[in-house]
Amino acid sequence: MPAIVAENELASENELTNAGFWDKKYIPKTSGAFNWLKPLLRRKRHRMLGNLLDQIGKPSGEILELGCAPGEALLHLHKVRPQHRLHGIDYSEIGMKSAEEFLGRQGVDATIHFGDFRDIELSQQFDMVMSFGLIEHFDDPVPIVKDHARLCAPGGRVALTVPNFATPVNRFLMKHCDPPGYEGHNLEIMSRQALQAAFEAAGLQNVKVGSAQGPRIYPGGDRRLLRGRINRFLSKFWNLAACLSPINAPWDYTLWAVGQVPVEGIQTTENKAA
């Protein structure tokens, strides 16, 4: 198992964050002023997740999420398609334990692995390997897409989402209200064209890309900055309205992509040479 990276240690090559950065964020949100509205607020997200899961083309399958802490995405996957068997990987020990405890309280049967998805070896391959808000934390997303495919069964699917922070409004809010968050994201991957190119460069076939979830704005903010705290507060109301609105213009908050692993598997430089 890889060692846990301390918060003050540098991230490894290609990473814009590290495990210590995420340790503080791996706490599922179980309370809030809008809890009673959550089923309605998540309607668009659940529709998107269901459409992605249906791409495996079979009634039930093995689904793996990379970077699964704190377990909320696995819970949503279970809610929209409970017939699938769920698995997750996370390289934060705190995050892994948080996901196990959270999913246990929710009655979701999922297998959680501790390790780095870039070099972990598992005893099985999966019908679909997914991630949500992962590849944008790397300078070069293509090797990360290939890591998804490596854990996928031949003919299986890779599906992922990234937040759409590259719009002028969101780019401005990130840069001025949350400088650490701005530095921790690769905004160049946040377009349909960039996702399509990354999937094709990783060797995936039958690639589809799209967007969903309406014109939400960046919800974060550096708590040390007054403008960061203001954005955290005001974004809640804007995003509430965006979730309830049937209109997605002028932008969508979430971009998604799904592609198929070739039956012969992904051809790497090493096995091509062989």
C-alpha atoms as a PDB file:
ATOM      1  CA  MET A   1       0.000   0.000   0.000  1.00  0.00           C
ATOM      2  CA  PRO A   2       1.322   3.490  -0.739  1.00  0.00           C
ATOM      3  CA  ALA A   3       2.202   5.743   2.146  1.00  0.00           C
ATOM      4  CA  ILE A   4      -0.227   8.494   3.086  1.00  0.00           C
ATOM      5  CA  VAL A   5       1.108  11.837   1.859  1.00  0.00           C
ATOM      6  CA  ALA A   6       1.201  14.510   4.554  1.00  0.00           C
ATOM      7  CA  GLU A   7      -0.558  17.789   3.811  1.00  0.00           C
ATOM      8  CA  ASN A   8       2.697  19.739   3.769  1.00  0.00           C
ATOM      9  CA  GLU A   9       4.421  17.311   1.394  1.00  0.00           C
ATOM     10  CA  LEU A  10       4.616  17.998  -2.309  1.00  0.00           C
ATOM     11  CA  ALA A  11       2.309  16.138  -4.615  1.00  0.00           C
ATOM     12  CA  SER A  12       3.956  13.643  -6.951  1.00  0.00           C
ATOM     13  CA  GLU A  13       4.689  14.383 -10.587  1.00  0.00           C
ATOM     14  CA  ASN A  14       1.550  15.266 -12.585  1.00  0.00           C
ATOM     15  CA  GLU A  15      -0.571  15.768  -9.419  1.00  0.00           C
ATOM     16  CA  LEU A  16      -2.007  19.182  -8.547  1.00  0.00           C
ATOM     17  CA  THR A  17      -3.106  17.946  -5.076  1.00  0.00           C
ATOM     18  CA  ASN A  18      -2.072  15.237  -2.609  1.00  0.00           C
ATOM     19  CA  ALA A  19      -3.685  12.867  -0.110  1.00  0.00           C
ATOM     20  CA  GLY A  20      -3.180  15.297   2.766  1.00  0.00           C
ATOM     21  CA  PHE A  21      -5.118  17.964   0.860  1.00  0.00           C
ATOM     22  CA  TRP A  22      -8.093  15.609   0.585  1.00  0.00           C
ATOM     23  CA  ASP A  23      -7.961  14.287   4.170  1.00  0.00           C
ATOM     24  CA  LYS A  24      -9.670  17.455   5.403  1.00  0.00           C
ATOM     25  CA  LYS A  25     -12.423  17.194   2.788  1.00  0.00           C
ATOM     26  CA  TYR A  26     -13.466  13.580   3.285  1.00  0.00           C
ATOM     27  CA  ILE A  27     -16.397  14.183   5.598  1.00  0.00           C
ATOM     28  CA  PRO A  28     -19.805  13.345   4.110  1.00  0.00           C
ATOM     29  CA  LYS A  29     -22.392  16.086   4.560  1.00  0.00           C
ATOM     30  CA  THR A  30     -25.221  14.579   6.571  1.00  0.00           C
ATOM     31  CA  SER A  31     -26.970  17.759   7.666  1.00  0.00           C
ATOM     32  CA  GLY A  32     -27.860  21.105   6.198  1.00  0.00           C
ATOM     33  CA  ALA A  33     -30.590  23.672   5.766  1.00  0.00           C
ATOM     34  CA  PHE A  34     -31.674  22.209   2.409  1.00  0.00           C
ATOM     35  CA  ASN A  35     -31.706  18.506   3.341  1.00  0.00           C
ATOM     36  CA  TRP A  36     -35.445  18.271   2.727  1.00  0.00           C
ATOM     37  CA  LEU A  37     -34.862  19.500  -0.832  1.00  0.00           C
ATOM     38  CA  LYS A  38     -32.021  17.107  -1.684  1.00  0.00           C
ATOM     39  CA  PRO A  39     -34.068  14.559  -3.670  1.00  0.00           C
ATOM     40  CA  LEU A  40     -35.292  17.358  -5.936  1.00  0.00           C
ATOM     41  CA  LEU A  41     -31.878  19.037  -6.132  1.00  0.00           C
ATOM     42  CA  ARG A  42     -30.221  15.770  -7.150  1.00  0.00           C
ATOM     43  CA  ARG A  43     -32.748  14.905  -9.839  1.00  0.00           C
ATOM     44  CA  LYS A  44     -30.539  16.105 -12.708  1.00  0.00           C
ATOM     45  CA  ARG A  45     -27.428  14.447 -11.269  1.00  0.00           C
ATOM     46  CA  HIS A  46     -29.219  11.133 -10.761  1.00  0.00           C
ATOM     47  CA  ARG A  47     -30.555  11.208 -14.322  1.00  0.00           C
ATOM     48  CA  MET A  48     -26.994  11.726 -15.604  1.00  0.00           C
ATOM     49  CA  LEU A  49     -25.598   8.918 -13.421  1.00  0.00           C
ATOM     50  CA  GLY A  50     -28.307   6.533 -14.550  1.00  0.00           C
ATOM     51  CA  ASN A  51     -27.584   7.294 -18.206  1.00  0.00           C
ATOM     52  CA  LEU A  52     -23.852   6.674 -17.674  1.00  0.00           C
ATOM     53  CA  LEU A  53     -24.419   3.376 -15.859  1.00  0.00           C
ATOM     54  CA  ASP A  54     -26.743   2.177 -18.602  1.00  0.00           C
ATOM     55  CA  GLN A  55     -23.845   2.366 -21.064  1.00  0.00           C
ATOM     56  CA  ILE A  56     -22.509  -0.994 -19.796  1.00  0.00           C
ATOM     57  CA  GLY A  57     -25.377  -2.629 -21.671  1.00  0.00           C
ATOM     58  CA  LYS A  58     -26.139  -5.362 -19.152  1.00  0.00           C
ATOM     59  CA  PRO A  59     -28.690  -5.633 -16.336  1.00  0.00           C
ATOM     60  CA  SER A  60     -26.079  -5.826 -13.558  1.00  0.00           C
ATOM     61  CA  GLY A  61     -22.339  -5.456 -13.407  1.00  0.00           C
ATOM     62  CA  GLU A  62     -19.233  -4.654 -11.416  1.00  0.00           C
ATOM     63  CA  ILE A  63     -18.759  -0.890 -11.007  1.00  0.00           C
ATOM     64  CA  LEU A  64     -15.550   0.684  -9.662  1.00  0.00           C
ATOM     65  CA  GLU A  65     -15.178   4.329  -8.607  1.00  0.00           C
ATOM     66  CA  LEU A  66     -11.700   5.856  -8.412  1.00  0.00           C
ATOM     67  CA  GLY A  67     -11.209   8.442  -5.680  1.00  0.00           C
ATOM     68  CA  CYS A  68     -14.368   7.249  -3.954  1.00  0.00           C
ATOM     69  CA  ALA A  69     -14.120   9.053  -0.603  1.00  0.00           C
ATOM     70  CA  PRO A  70     -16.222  10.082   1.225  1.00  0.00           C
ATOM     71  CA  GLY A  71     -18.699   7.642  -0.372  1.00  0.00           C
ATOM     72  CA  GLU A  72     -21.474   9.972  -1.494  1.00  0.00           C
ATOM     73  CA  ALA A  73     -21.108   9.170  -5.200  1.00  0.00           C
ATOM     74  CA  LEU A  74     -21.313   5.436  -4.501  1.00  0.00           C
ATOM     75  CA  LEU A  75     -24.495   6.076  -2.524  1.00  0.00           C
ATOM     76  CA  HIS A  76     -25.997   7.946  -5.487  1.00  0.00           C
ATOM     77  CA  LEU A  77     -24.970   5.159  -7.883  1.00  0.00           C
ATOM     78  CA  HIS A  78     -26.701   2.653  -5.603  1.00  0.00           C
ATOM     79  CA  LYS A  79     -29.848   4.768  -5.505  1.00  0.00           C
ATOM     80  CA  VAL A  80     -30.199   5.098  -9.266  1.00  0.00           C
ATOM     81  CA  ARG A  81     -29.186   1.514 -10.201  1.00  0.00           C
ATOM     82  CA  PRO A  82     -29.235  -0.688  -7.059  1.00  0.00           C
ATOM     83  CA  GLN A  83     -28.703  -3.913  -9.032  1.00  0.00           C
ATOM     84  CA  HIS A  84     -25.001  -3.176  -9.659  1.00  0.00           C
ATOM     85  CA  ARG A  85     -22.178  -4.353  -7.379  1.00  0.00           C
ATOM     86  CA  LEU A  86     -20.154  -1.369  -6.197  1.00  0.00           C
ATOM     87  CA  HIS A  87     -16.443  -0.986  -5.460  1.00  0.00           C
ATOM     88  CA  GLY A  88     -14.227   1.995  -4.685  1.00  0.00           C
ATOM     89  CA  ILE A  89     -10.555   2.993  -4.357  1.00  0.00           C
ATOM     90  CA  ASP A  90      -9.053   5.868  -2.416  1.00  0.00           C
ATOM     91  CA  TYR A  91      -5.468   6.726  -1.457  1.00  0.00           C
ATOM     92  CA  SER A  92      -6.437   8.617   1.698  1.00  0.00           C
ATOM     93  CA  GLU A  93      -6.741   6.316   4.690  1.00  0.00           C
ATOM     94  CA  ILE A  94      -9.044   8.823   6.360  1.00  0.00           C
ATOM     95  CA  GLY A  95     -11.146   8.977   3.198  1.00  0.00           C
ATOM     96  CA  MET A  96     -11.345   5.198   2.875  1.00  0.00           C
ATOM     97  CA  LYS A  97     -12.521   4.748   6.461  1.00  0.00           C
ATOM     98  CA  SER A  98     -14.966   7.634   6.075  1.00  0.00           C
ATOM     99  CA  ALA A  99     -16.457   6.008   2.960  1.00  0.00           C
ATOM    100  CA  GLU A 100     -16.771   2.606   4.651  1.00  0.00           C
ATOM    101  CA  GLU A 101     -18.499   4.077   7.702  1.00  0.00           C
ATOM    102  CA  PHE A 102     -20.779   6.337   5.664  1.00  0.00           C
ATOM    103  CA  LEU A 103     -21.905   3.612   3.283  1.00  0.00           C
ATOM    104  CA  GLY A 104     -22.381   1.188   6.168  1.00  0.00           C
ATOM    105  CA  ARG A 105     -24.741   3.648   7.866  1.00  0.00           C
ATOM    106  CA  GLN A 106     -26.658   4.015   4.601  1.00  0.00           C
ATOM    107  CA  GLY A 107     -26.991   0.243   4.170  1.00  0.00           C
ATOM    108  CA  VAL A 108     -24.975   0.199   0.928  1.00  0.00           C
ATOM    109  CA  ASP A 109     -22.879  -2.917   0.351  1.00  0.00           C
ATOM    110  CA  ALA A 110     -19.671  -1.721  -1.333  1.00  0.00           C
ATOM    111  CA  THR A 111     -16.086  -2.968  -1.292  1.00  0.00           C
ATOM    112  CA  ILE A 112     -13.600  -0.165  -0.577  1.00  0.00           C
ATOM    113  CA  HIS A 113      -9.896  -0.593  -1.404  1.00  0.00           C
ATOM    114  CA  PHE A 114      -7.076   1.506   0.057  1.00  0.00           C
ATOM    115  CA  GLY A 115      -4.420   2.375  -2.491  1.00  0.00           C
ATOM    116  CA  ASP A 116      -3.332   4.516  -5.414  1.00  0.00           C
ATOM    117  CA  PHE A 117      -5.346   3.645  -8.523  1.00  0.00           C
ATOM    118  CA  ARG A 118      -2.266   4.345 -10.660  1.00  0.00           C
ATOM    119  CA  ASP A 119      -0.426   1.260  -9.452  1.00  0.00           C
ATOM    120  CA  ILE A 120      -2.919  -0.819  -7.456  1.00  0.00           C
ATOM    121  CA  GLU A 121      -3.435  -4.424  -8.554  1.00  0.00           C
ATOM    122  CA  LEU A 122      -6.901  -5.851  -7.935  1.00  0.00           C
ATOM    123  CA  SER A 123      -8.090  -9.419  -8.259  1.00  0.00           C
ATOM    124  CA  GLN A 124     -10.793  -8.588 -10.785  1.00  0.00           C
ATOM    125  CA  GLN A 125     -11.609  -6.288 -13.667  1.00  0.00           C
ATOM    126  CA  PHE A 126     -14.752  -4.194 -13.902  1.00  0.00           C
ATOM    127  CA  ASP A 127     -17.577  -3.594 -16.339  1.00  0.00           C
ATOM    128  CA  MET A 128     -17.340   0.146 -15.726  1.00  0.00           C
ATOM    129  CA  VAL A 129     -14.657   2.257 -14.076  1.00  0.00           C
ATOM    130  CA  MET A 130     -15.868   5.712 -13.056  1.00  0.00           C
ATOM    131  CA  SER A 131     -14.640   8.887 -11.397  1.00  0.00           C
ATOM    132  CA  PHE A 132     -16.240  12.176 -10.477  1.00  0.00           C
ATOM    133  CA  GLY A 133     -14.087  15.287 -10.292  1.00  0.00           C
ATOM    134  CA  LEU A 134     -10.757  13.429 -10.467  1.00  0.00           C
ATOM    135  CA  ILE A 135      -8.852  13.895 -13.712  1.00  0.00           C
ATOM    136  CA  GLU A 136      -8.904  17.706 -13.475  1.00  0.00           C
ATOM    137  CA  HIS A 137      -6.476  17.450 -10.547  1.00  0.00           C
ATOM    138  CA  PHE A 138      -3.667  16.316 -12.869  1.00  0.00           C
ATOM    139  CA  ASP A 139      -1.553  18.306 -15.319  1.00  0.00           C
ATOM    140  CA  ASP A 140      -1.922  15.581 -17.948  1.00  0.00           C
ATOM    141  CA  PRO A 141      -5.285  13.776 -17.746  1.00  0.00           C
ATOM    142  CA  VAL A 142      -4.542  11.228 -20.498  1.00  0.00           C
ATOM    143  CA  PRO A 143      -2.476   8.840 -18.310  1.00  0.00           C
ATOM    144  CA  ILE A 144      -5.234   9.034 -15.692  1.00  0.00           C
ATOM    145  CA  VAL A 145      -7.864   8.031 -18.260  1.00  0.00           C
ATOM    146  CA  LYS A 146      -5.578   5.122 -19.195  1.00  0.00           C
ATOM    147  CA  ASP A 147      -5.476   4.119 -15.519  1.00  0.00           C
ATOM    148  CA  HIS A 148      -9.269   3.921 -15.584  1.00  0.00           C
ATOM    149  CA  ALA A 149      -9.064   1.675 -18.639  1.00  0.00           C
ATOM    150  CA  ARG A 150      -6.378  -0.561 -17.101  1.00  0.00           C
ATOM    151  CA  LEU A 151      -8.781  -1.580 -14.334  1.00  0.00           C
ATOM    152  CA  CYS A 152     -11.638  -2.117 -16.773  1.00  0.00           C
ATOM    153  CA  ALA A 153     -12.483  -5.422 -18.434  1.00  0.00           C
ATOM    154  CA  PRO A 154     -11.899  -5.593 -22.210  1.00  0.00           C
ATOM    155  CA  GLY A 155     -15.023  -4.242 -23.858  1.00  0.00           C
ATOM    156  CA  GLY A 156     -16.022  -2.464 -20.661  1.00  0.00           C
ATOM    157  CA  ARG A 157     -16.618   1.254 -20.231  1.00  0.00           C
ATOM    158  CA  VAL A 158     -14.809   4.188 -18.691  1.00  0.00           C
ATOM    159  CA  ALA A 159     -17.118   6.985 -17.530  1.00  0.00           C
ATOM    160  CA  LEU A 160     -16.233  10.178 -15.701  1.00  0.00           C
ATOM    161  CA  THR A 161     -17.358  13.701 -14.967  1.00  0.00           C
ATOM    162  CA  VAL A 162     -15.517  16.957 -14.390  1.00  0.00           C
ATOM    163  CA  PRO A 163     -16.899  20.256 -13.082  1.00  0.00           C
ATOM    164  CA  ASN A 164     -17.185  23.034 -15.639  1.00  0.00           C
ATOM    165  CA  PHE A 165     -15.091  25.713 -13.936  1.00  0.00           C
ATOM    166  CA  ALA A 166     -13.631  26.986 -17.221  1.00  0.00           C
ATOM    167  CA  THR A 167     -16.535  29.316 -17.966  1.00  0.00           C
ATOM    168  CA  PRO A 168     -15.608  33.012 -17.582  1.00  0.00           C
ATOM    169  CA  VAL A 169     -17.769  33.400 -14.447  1.00  0.00           C
ATOM    170  CA  ASN A 170     -16.431  30.316 -12.690  1.00  0.00           C
ATOM    171  CA  ARG A 171     -12.840  30.989 -13.713  1.00  0.00           C
ATOM    172  CA  PHE A 172     -13.108  34.500 -12.219  1.00  0.00           C
ATOM    173  CA  LEU A 173     -14.686  33.254  -8.975  1.00  0.00           C
ATOM    174  CA  MET A 174     -12.073  30.533  -8.502  1.00  0.00           C
ATOM    175  CA  LYS A 175      -9.136  32.814  -9.218  1.00  0.00           C
ATOM    176  CA  HIS A 176     -10.259  35.611  -6.898  1.00  0.00           C
ATOM    177  CA  CYS A 177     -12.211  33.791  -4.179  1.00  0.00           C
ATOM    178  CA  ASP A 178     -10.250  30.555  -3.849  1.00  0.00           C
ATOM    179  CA  PRO A 179      -6.654  30.839  -5.140  1.00  0.00           C
ATOM    180  CA  PRO A 180      -5.609  27.427  -3.675  1.00  0.00           C
ATOM    181  CA  GLY A 181      -8.565  25.788  -5.412  1.00  0.00           C
ATOM    182  CA  TYR A 182      -7.667  27.540  -8.660  1.00  0.00           C
ATOM    183  CA  GLU A 183      -4.124  26.181  -8.485  1.00  0.00           C
ATOM    184  CA  GLY A 184      -5.400  22.670  -7.739  1.00  0.00           C
ATOM    185  CA  HIS A 185      -7.493  22.350 -10.908  1.00  0.00           C
ATOM    186  CA  ASN A 186      -6.601  21.852 -14.554  1.00  0.00           C
ATOM    187  CA  LEU A 187      -9.161  24.028 -16.307  1.00  0.00           C
ATOM    188  CA  GLU A 188      -7.941  23.035 -19.782  1.00  0.00           C
ATOM    189  CA  ILE A 189      -9.673  19.632 -19.550  1.00  0.00           C
ATOM    190  CA  MET A 190     -13.014  21.292 -18.810  1.00  0.00           C
ATOM    191  CA  SER A 191     -14.590  21.241 -22.259  1.00  0.00           C
ATOM    192  CA  ARG A 192     -16.323  18.630 -24.381  1.00  0.00           C
ATOM    193  CA  GLN A 193     -13.576  18.872 -26.983  1.00  0.00           C
ATOM    194  CA  ALA A 194     -10.804  18.337 -24.428  1.00  0.00           C
ATOM    195  CA  LEU A 195     -12.562  15.337 -22.882  1.00  0.00           C
ATOM    196  CA  GLN A 196     -13.142  13.796 -26.318  1.00  0.00           C
ATOM    197  CA  ALA A 197      -9.473  14.264 -27.204  1.00  0.00           C
ATOM    198  CA  ALA A 198      -8.263  12.811 -23.891  1.00  0.00           C
ATOM    199  CA  PHE A 199     -10.416   9.692 -24.246  1.00  0.00           C
ATOM    200  CA  GLU A 200      -9.313   9.122 -27.831  1.00  0.00           C
ATOM    201  CA  ALA A 201      -5.643   9.699 -26.908  1.00  0.00           C
ATOM    202  CA  ALA A 202      -6.059   7.076 -24.167  1.00  0.00           C
ATOM    203  CA  GLY A 203      -7.177   4.547 -26.784  1.00  0.00           C
ATOM    204  CA  LEU A 204     -10.887   4.413 -25.950  1.00  0.00           C
ATOM    205  CA  GLN A 205     -13.511   3.775 -28.611  1.00  0.00           C
ATOM    206  CA  ASN A 206     -17.113   4.900 -29.197  1.00  0.00           C
ATOM    207  CA  VAL A 207     -16.519   8.013 -27.121  1.00  0.00           C
ATOM    208  CA  LYS A 208     -19.512  10.127 -26.135  1.00  0.00           C
ATOM    209  CA  VAL A 209     -19.361  13.467 -24.326  1.00  0.00           C
ATOM    210  CA  GLY A 210     -22.026  15.742 -22.919  1.00  0.00           C
ATOM    211  CA  SER A 211     -23.031  18.077 -20.133  1.00  0.00           C
ATOM    212  CA  ALA A 212     -25.642  18.347 -17.407  1.00  0.00           C
ATOM    213  CA  GLN A 213     -26.803  20.015 -14.206  1.00  0.00           C
ATOM    214  CA  GLY A 214     -27.491  23.591 -15.174  1.00  0.00           C
ATOM    215  CA  PRO A 215     -25.652  26.918 -14.769  1.00  0.00           C
ATOM    216  CA  ARG A 216     -24.261  26.499 -11.262  1.00  0.00           C
ATOM    217  CA  ILE A 217     -21.324  28.570 -10.033  1.00  0.00           C
ATOM    218  CA  TYR A 218     -18.169  27.628  -8.166  1.00  0.00           C
ATOM    219  CA  PRO A 219     -19.284  26.872  -4.584  1.00  0.00           C
ATOM    220  CA  GLY A 220     -15.941  27.140  -2.814  1.00  0.00           C
ATOM    221  CA  GLY A 221     -13.916  29.921  -1.310  1.00  0.00           C
ATOM    222  CA  ASP A 222     -10.829  30.462   0.807  1.00  0.00           C
ATOM    223  CA  ARG A 223     -12.152  30.986   4.332  1.00  0.00           C
ATOM    224  CA  ARG A 224      -9.214  33.285   5.091  1.00  0.00           C
ATOM    225  CA  LEU A 225     -10.542  35.768   2.517  1.00  0.00           C
ATOM    226  CA  LEU A 226     -13.700  37.835   3.008  1.00  0.00           C
ATOM    227  CA  ARG A 227     -14.596  37.415  -0.671  1.00  0.00           C
ATOM    228  CA  GLY A 228     -14.074  33.671  -0.274  1.00  0.00           C
ATOM    229  CA  ARG A 229     -16.538  33.479   2.597  1.00  0.00           C
ATOM    230  CA  ILE A 230     -19.028  35.677   0.696  1.00  0.00           C
ATOM    231  CA  ASN A 231     -18.842  33.397  -2.345  1.00  0.00           C
ATOM    232  CA  ARG A 232     -19.438  30.310  -0.198  1.00  0.00           C
ATOM    233  CA  PHE A 233     -22.601  31.929   1.164  1.00  0.00           C
ATOM    234  CA  LEU A 234     -24.040  33.473  -2.008  1.00  0.00           C
ATOM    235  CA  SER A 235     -23.271  30.480  -4.236  1.00  0.00           C
ATOM    236  CA  LYS A 236     -25.642  28.326  -2.160  1.00  0.00           C
ATOM    237  CA  PHE A 237     -28.634  30.393  -3.265  1.00  0.00           C
ATOM    238  CA  TRP A 238     -27.570  30.671  -6.907  1.00  0.00           C
ATOM    239  CA  ASN A 239     -26.893  26.937  -7.119  1.00  0.00           C
ATOM    240  CA  LEU A 240     -30.190  26.118  -5.442  1.00  0.00           C
ATOM    241  CA  ALA A 241     -32.008  28.084  -8.149  1.00  0.00           C
ATOM    242  CA  ALA A 242     -29.888  26.449 -10.880  1.00  0.00           C
ATOM    243  CA  CYS A 243     -30.742  22.956  -9.601  1.00  0.00           C
ATOM    244  CA  LEU A 244     -34.453  23.722  -9.582  1.00  0.00           C
ATOM    245  CA  SER A 245     -34.500  25.455 -12.961  1.00  0.00           C
ATOM    246  CA  PRO A 246     -35.302  23.351 -16.061  1.00  0.00           C
ATOM    247  CA  ILE A 247     -33.030  25.669 -18.097  1.00  0.00           C
ATOM    248  CA  ASN A 248     -29.335  24.795 -18.468  1.00  0.00           C
ATOM    249  CA  ALA A 249     -28.298  27.910 -20.418  1.00  0.00           C
ATOM    250  CA  PRO A 250     -25.910  29.652 -20.653  1.00  0.00           C
ATOM    251  CA  TRP A 251     -23.640  26.833 -19.382  1.00  0.00           C
ATOM    252  CA  ASP A 252     -23.760  23.421 -17.741  1.00  0.00           C
ATOM    253  CA  TYR A 253     -22.021  22.778 -14.453  1.00  0.00           C
ATOM    254  CA  THR A 254     -20.940  19.198 -15.153  1.00  0.00           C
ATOM    255  CA  LEU A 255     -19.233  17.708 -18.200  1.00  0.00           C
ATOM    256  CA  TRP A 256     -19.239  13.944 -18.751  1.00  0.00           C
ATOM    257  CA  ALA A 257     -17.538  11.457 -21.017  1.00  0.00           C
ATOM    258  CA  VAL A 258     -17.895   7.717 -21.587  1.00  0.00           C
ATOM    259  CA  GLY A 259     -15.849   5.425 -23.818  1.00  0.00           C
ATOM    260  CA  GLN A 260     -15.318   1.739 -24.475  1.00  0.00           C
ATOM    261  CA  VAL A 261     -12.141  -0.191 -23.790  1.00  0.00           C
ATOM    262  CA  PRO A 262     -11.158  -2.139 -26.926  1.00  0.00           C
ATOM    263  CA  VAL A 263     -11.723  -5.883 -26.687  1.00  0.00           C
ATOM    264  CA  GLU A 264      -7.966  -6.374 -27.140  1.00  0.00           C
ATOM    265  CA  GLY A 265      -7.302  -3.900 -24.337  1.00  0.00           C
ATOM    266  CA  ILE A 266      -5.479  -0.555 -24.272  1.00  0.00           C
ATOM    267  CA  GLN A 267      -2.213  -0.649 -26.188  1.00  0.00           C
ATOM    268  CA  THR A 268       0.571   0.956 -24.164  1.00  0.00           C
ATOM    269  CA  THR A 269       4.022   1.919 -25.428  1.00  0.00           C
ATOM    270  CA  GLU A 270       5.497  -1.093 -23.619  1.00  0.00           C
ATOM    271  CA  ASN A 271       3.255  -3.765 -25.073  1.00  0.00           C
ATOM    272  CA  LYS A 272       3.442  -2.222 -28.526  1.00  0.00           C
ATOM    273  CA  ALA A 273       7.231  -2.599 -28.363  1.00  0.00           C
ATOM    274  CA  ALA A 274       6.826  -6.192 -27.215  1.00  0.00           C
END
